[in-house]
Protein backbone atom coordinates (compact mmCIF):
# COMPACT_ATOMS: atom_id res chain seq x y z
CA MET A 1 63.64 61.80 19.98
CA THR A 2 61.05 59.32 21.11
CA GLN A 3 62.67 56.47 22.98
CA LEU A 4 61.40 53.07 22.01
CA PRO A 5 60.46 50.72 24.84
CA SER A 6 63.14 48.20 25.59
CA ALA A 7 62.54 44.56 24.78
CA ASP A 8 61.79 42.17 27.62
CA PRO A 9 64.94 40.54 28.94
CA PRO A 10 65.41 36.96 27.76
CA ARG A 11 63.96 34.35 30.08
CA GLU A 12 66.50 32.16 31.82
CA SER A 13 66.18 28.63 30.56
CA ARG A 14 64.59 26.18 32.97
CA VAL A 15 65.90 22.72 33.73
CA TRP A 16 63.36 19.90 33.47
CA PHE A 17 63.67 16.45 35.06
CA VAL A 18 61.31 14.14 33.15
CA THR A 19 60.72 10.45 33.80
CA GLY A 20 59.07 8.18 31.26
CA ALA A 21 60.41 10.53 28.59
CA SER A 22 60.90 8.07 25.73
CA ARG A 23 57.33 8.16 24.44
CA GLY A 24 53.84 9.56 24.97
CA LEU A 25 53.32 12.50 27.28
CA GLY A 26 56.88 12.41 28.62
CA TYR A 27 58.34 12.65 25.13
CA ALA A 28 55.93 15.44 24.18
CA PHE A 29 56.78 17.42 27.33
CA THR A 30 60.49 16.96 26.61
CA GLU A 31 60.17 18.19 23.02
CA ALA A 32 58.04 21.18 24.06
CA ALA A 33 60.54 22.20 26.73
CA LEU A 34 63.43 22.00 24.30
CA ALA A 35 61.51 23.97 21.68
CA ALA A 36 60.99 26.68 24.30
CA GLY A 37 64.74 26.92 24.84
CA ASP A 38 64.83 24.99 28.10
CA ARG A 39 67.17 22.18 29.14
CA VAL A 40 65.98 18.65 29.90
CA ILE A 41 67.22 15.66 31.84
CA ALA A 42 65.16 12.91 30.19
CA MET A 43 64.94 9.41 31.62
CA ALA A 44 63.29 6.12 30.70
CA ARG A 45 64.12 2.45 30.81
CA ASP A 46 65.04 2.65 27.12
CA VAL A 47 66.47 6.00 26.05
CA SER A 48 67.61 5.10 22.52
CA ALA A 49 64.98 7.40 20.95
CA LEU A 50 66.12 10.26 23.18
CA GLU A 51 69.83 9.72 22.59
CA ALA A 52 69.19 9.97 18.87
CA ARG A 53 67.78 13.48 19.43
CA ALA A 54 70.51 14.74 21.76
CA ASP A 55 72.81 16.12 19.04
CA ALA A 56 70.01 18.27 17.63
CA HIS A 57 69.71 20.32 20.83
CA ASP A 58 73.19 21.73 21.41
CA GLY A 59 73.80 20.01 24.73
CA ARG A 60 70.42 21.02 26.20
CA LEU A 61 69.20 17.40 26.29
CA VAL A 62 70.79 14.79 28.53
CA ALA A 63 69.26 11.32 28.48
CA PHE A 64 70.08 8.26 30.53
CA PRO A 65 68.28 5.04 31.48
CA LEU A 66 66.38 4.83 34.75
CA ASP A 67 64.00 2.38 36.37
CA VAL A 68 62.11 4.55 38.86
CA ALA A 69 61.18 1.49 40.92
CA ARG A 70 64.82 1.28 42.05
CA ARG A 71 65.09 3.90 44.79
CA GLU A 72 68.89 4.04 44.96
CA ASP A 73 69.09 4.52 41.18
CA VAL A 74 66.60 7.39 41.40
CA PHE A 75 68.74 9.26 43.93
CA ASP A 76 71.80 8.69 41.72
CA ALA A 77 69.86 10.09 38.76
CA VAL A 78 69.08 13.30 40.64
CA ASP A 79 72.76 13.66 41.50
CA ARG A 80 73.62 13.26 37.80
CA ALA A 81 70.99 15.81 36.84
CA THR A 82 72.27 18.47 39.19
CA ALA A 83 75.83 17.76 38.10
CA ALA A 84 74.83 18.25 34.46
CA PHE A 85 72.97 21.56 34.75
CA GLY A 86 73.42 22.75 38.33
CA ARG A 87 69.74 22.93 39.22
CA ILE A 88 66.28 21.47 38.64
CA ASP A 89 63.28 23.72 38.04
CA VAL A 90 60.50 21.44 36.77
CA VAL A 91 60.06 17.82 37.85
CA VAL A 92 57.68 15.67 35.80
CA ASN A 93 56.77 12.35 37.41
CA ASN A 94 55.43 10.71 34.28
CA ALA A 95 56.87 7.17 34.26
CA GLY A 96 54.10 4.60 34.46
CA GLN A 97 52.52 1.45 33.14
CA LEU A 98 49.02 0.01 32.78
CA LEU A 99 47.81 -3.10 34.57
CA PHE A 100 44.62 -4.27 32.86
CA GLY A 101 42.42 -6.85 34.51
CA MET A 102 39.81 -7.49 37.16
CA VAL A 103 40.75 -7.11 40.81
CA GLU A 104 40.24 -10.81 41.55
CA GLU A 105 42.44 -11.81 38.62
CA THR A 106 45.44 -9.73 39.68
CA THR A 107 48.37 -11.68 41.08
CA GLU A 108 50.46 -10.47 43.99
CA LYS A 109 53.49 -10.11 41.71
CA GLN A 110 51.53 -8.01 39.20
CA ALA A 111 50.07 -5.77 41.89
CA ARG A 112 53.42 -5.12 43.59
CA SER A 113 55.29 -4.57 40.33
CA HIS A 114 52.64 -2.15 39.11
CA LEU A 115 52.62 -0.06 42.27
CA ASP A 116 56.42 -0.12 42.46
CA THR A 117 56.46 1.92 39.24
CA ASN A 118 53.26 3.95 39.28
CA PHE A 119 53.24 4.93 42.94
CA PHE A 120 56.55 4.19 44.63
CA GLY A 121 58.57 5.31 41.61
CA ALA A 122 56.97 8.75 41.76
CA LEU A 123 57.48 8.81 45.53
CA TRP A 124 61.20 8.03 45.21
CA VAL A 125 61.67 10.76 42.58
CA THR A 126 59.84 13.25 44.75
CA GLN A 127 61.94 12.43 47.79
CA ALA A 128 65.15 12.63 45.79
CA VAL A 129 64.50 16.06 44.23
CA LEU A 130 63.15 17.84 47.30
CA PRO A 131 66.55 18.63 48.90
CA VAL A 132 67.61 20.25 45.61
CA LEU A 133 64.43 22.30 45.29
CA ARG A 134 64.51 23.35 48.95
CA ALA A 135 68.09 24.55 48.61
CA GLN A 136 67.09 26.61 45.57
CA GLY A 137 64.01 28.00 47.28
CA CYS A 138 61.88 27.18 44.25
CA GLY A 139 60.74 24.44 41.89
CA HIS A 140 57.60 22.94 40.41
CA VAL A 141 56.68 19.26 40.79
CA LEU A 142 54.19 17.89 38.25
CA GLN A 143 52.63 14.58 39.27
CA VAL A 144 51.01 12.84 36.31
CA THR A 145 47.97 10.97 37.61
CA VAL A 146 44.78 10.48 35.59
CA ALA A 147 41.53 12.36 35.02
CA GLY A 148 39.12 11.60 37.83
CA ALA A 149 41.78 9.94 39.97
CA GLY A 150 40.30 8.85 43.24
CA GLY A 151 37.78 6.49 41.71
CA GLY A 152 38.09 3.14 39.98
CA SER A 153 36.65 1.57 36.86
CA VAL A 154 36.27 -1.92 35.44
CA ALA A 155 39.58 -3.66 34.68
CA THR A 156 41.77 -0.73 35.79
CA GLY A 157 41.33 -0.96 39.56
CA LEU A 158 45.05 -1.30 40.34
CA TYR A 159 45.93 1.47 37.88
CA GLY A 160 43.39 3.74 39.56
CA ALA A 161 44.63 2.72 43.01
CA GLY A 162 48.19 3.78 42.21
CA LYS A 163 47.06 7.12 40.81
CA ALA A 164 44.72 7.75 43.75
CA ALA A 165 47.56 7.03 46.17
CA LEU A 166 49.81 9.44 44.28
CA ASN A 167 47.06 12.06 44.45
CA ALA A 168 46.75 11.71 48.22
CA VAL A 169 50.50 11.89 48.83
CA SER A 170 50.82 14.86 46.48
CA GLU A 171 48.07 16.82 48.23
CA ALA A 172 49.97 16.40 51.49
CA LEU A 173 53.26 17.19 49.75
CA ALA A 174 51.92 20.46 48.36
CA GLU A 175 51.13 21.73 51.85
CA GLU A 176 54.43 20.50 53.27
CA VAL A 177 56.68 22.17 50.70
CA GLU A 178 54.80 25.41 50.06
CA PRO A 179 56.80 27.25 52.75
CA PHE A 180 59.96 26.45 50.78
CA GLY A 181 58.70 28.10 47.58
CA ILE A 182 58.01 24.74 45.89
CA LYS A 183 54.84 24.31 43.83
CA VAL A 184 53.01 21.01 43.23
CA THR A 185 50.48 20.38 40.47
CA LEU A 186 48.57 17.15 39.95
CA LEU A 187 48.17 16.70 36.21
CA GLU A 188 45.07 14.65 35.41
CA PRO A 189 45.21 13.70 31.72
CA GLY A 190 42.43 12.03 29.82
CA PRO A 191 43.16 9.53 27.05
CA TYR A 192 46.00 10.51 24.71
CA ASP A 193 47.70 8.58 21.96
CA THR A 194 50.64 7.66 24.19
CA GLY A 195 51.17 4.02 23.28
CA LEU A 196 50.60 3.00 26.90
CA GLY A 197 48.15 0.29 25.86
CA ARG A 198 50.73 -1.17 23.48
CA PHE A 199 54.10 -0.76 25.19
CA GLY A 200 53.34 -0.33 28.88
CA LEU A 201 50.59 -2.91 29.26
CA THR A 202 50.40 -5.91 31.58
CA THR A 203 47.25 -8.04 31.47
CA THR A 204 45.85 -10.51 33.95
CA GLU A 205 44.82 -14.08 33.17
CA PRO A 206 41.09 -13.76 32.33
CA ASN A 207 38.64 -15.42 34.69
CA PRO A 208 35.56 -16.59 32.71
CA ALA A 209 33.35 -15.38 35.55
CA TYR A 210 34.05 -11.83 34.35
CA ASP A 211 33.35 -12.38 30.65
CA GLY A 212 30.19 -10.24 30.91
CA PRO A 213 31.77 -7.08 32.35
CA ARG A 214 34.74 -7.52 30.03
CA ALA A 215 32.49 -7.72 26.96
CA THR A 216 30.54 -4.63 28.06
CA LEU A 217 33.78 -2.71 28.48
CA GLU A 218 35.13 -3.75 25.10
CA ALA A 219 31.85 -2.80 23.42
CA SER A 220 32.12 0.70 24.90
CA TRP A 221 35.47 1.20 23.20
CA ALA A 222 33.85 0.94 19.76
CA ASP A 223 32.18 4.33 20.25
CA SER A 224 35.27 6.07 21.59
CA PRO A 225 36.78 8.79 19.36
CA PRO A 226 40.47 8.52 18.53
CA PRO A 227 42.58 10.03 21.33
CA PRO A 228 44.37 13.33 20.68
CA SER A 229 48.10 13.73 20.28
CA PRO A 230 50.16 14.28 23.44
CA ASP A 231 51.47 17.46 21.80
CA SER A 232 48.23 19.24 22.69
CA ALA A 233 48.78 18.43 26.37
CA ALA A 234 52.42 19.54 26.15
CA ALA A 235 51.39 23.03 25.02
CA VAL A 236 49.19 23.38 28.11
CA VAL A 237 51.93 22.15 30.44
CA LEU A 238 54.39 24.61 28.96
CA GLU A 239 51.95 27.42 29.82
CA LEU A 240 51.39 25.93 33.27
CA VAL A 241 55.04 25.98 34.31
CA GLY A 242 55.27 29.65 33.42
CA MET A 243 52.61 30.62 35.95
CA VAL A 244 53.54 32.39 39.16
CA ASP A 245 50.60 30.80 40.99
CA PRO A 246 49.83 27.50 39.22
CA PRO A 247 46.78 25.38 40.09
CA ARG A 248 47.02 22.46 42.51
CA ARG A 249 45.09 20.24 40.07
CA LEU A 250 44.71 20.50 36.31
CA VAL A 251 42.71 18.18 34.06
CA LEU A 252 44.22 17.83 30.58
CA GLY A 253 41.74 17.49 27.71
CA ALA A 254 38.30 18.94 26.99
CA THR A 255 36.42 15.63 27.16
CA ALA A 256 38.32 14.58 30.27
CA TYR A 257 37.46 17.90 31.91
CA ASP A 258 33.73 17.55 31.19
CA GLU A 259 33.67 13.95 32.41
CA THR A 260 35.64 14.76 35.57
CA VAL A 261 33.37 17.65 36.53
CA ALA A 262 30.29 15.52 35.87
CA GLU A 263 31.69 12.70 38.02
CA GLN A 264 32.46 15.08 40.86
CA ARG A 265 28.90 16.39 40.78
CA LYS A 266 27.53 12.86 40.71
CA ARG A 267 29.62 11.96 43.74
CA ALA A 268 28.47 15.06 45.61
CA ASP A 269 24.85 14.22 44.79
CA ALA A 270 25.35 10.70 46.18
CA TYR A 271 26.78 12.08 49.42
CA THR A 272 23.82 14.45 49.71
CA ALA A 273 21.28 11.72 49.02
CA TRP A 274 22.60 9.65 51.90
CA GLY A 275 23.22 12.63 54.17
CA PRO A 276 20.45 11.76 56.67
CA LEU A 277 21.92 8.28 57.20
CA SER A 278 25.44 9.71 57.52
CA ARG A 279 24.30 12.16 60.19
CA GLN A 280 22.94 9.34 62.31
CA GLY A 281 26.53 8.30 62.92
CA GLY A 282 27.01 11.09 65.45
């Protein structure tokens, strides 16, 4: 009798730790993980939308409020997560907000509040989860930055600064934790229909001196296609976390990928063009 090949053994469900999970990319990642049979610790400042979904997932979804800017609360959240499911396999640093306005217009309070969430919040989460991941000898940290992070653009200088800082720290982190079996991927999404511009937006008081650049920027939006659903990004991330050797950086979105590659080439060309002057520096 011919023996049929045995079926692959069922994959052990992963445990995800997702910040900013109440909407946008965080919500999409949470739903995709649950659909794949995984378990999720989902956090946001307002978790009412997540709590309403908890009963539909047979105890695989635990949601509680968290402000990532509060370092002590972040460490408590990691303790609660490990108590709930015993481990953490995938960490998604997604919580963030958008500060829109010119650099000169930005107040000290706005700048500090923005970076407290977008940069320091991700740093606190990273620090809090590392002892857990080291003890396990494995884990995957996904740092949600932005496509082309490292540069700035009109009216989003502080937003870009926070993402660039997170990029730099995460590059160092990846080298530091690789010996412990921990992977780090910088996710660089393009525009998605996340609601960030409606629910996570802080604007500066406009300075009339910048009416020209502001008008040019607003005119450019008229030609922009509607952004895709975060669900398309979630499908890619689900594939990413299943990889044995995941990439250090991954741009999310076809248009974002093309624009990022073009910008990198433009930057390299600019370095080359001024190479003779650079070399005069010794």
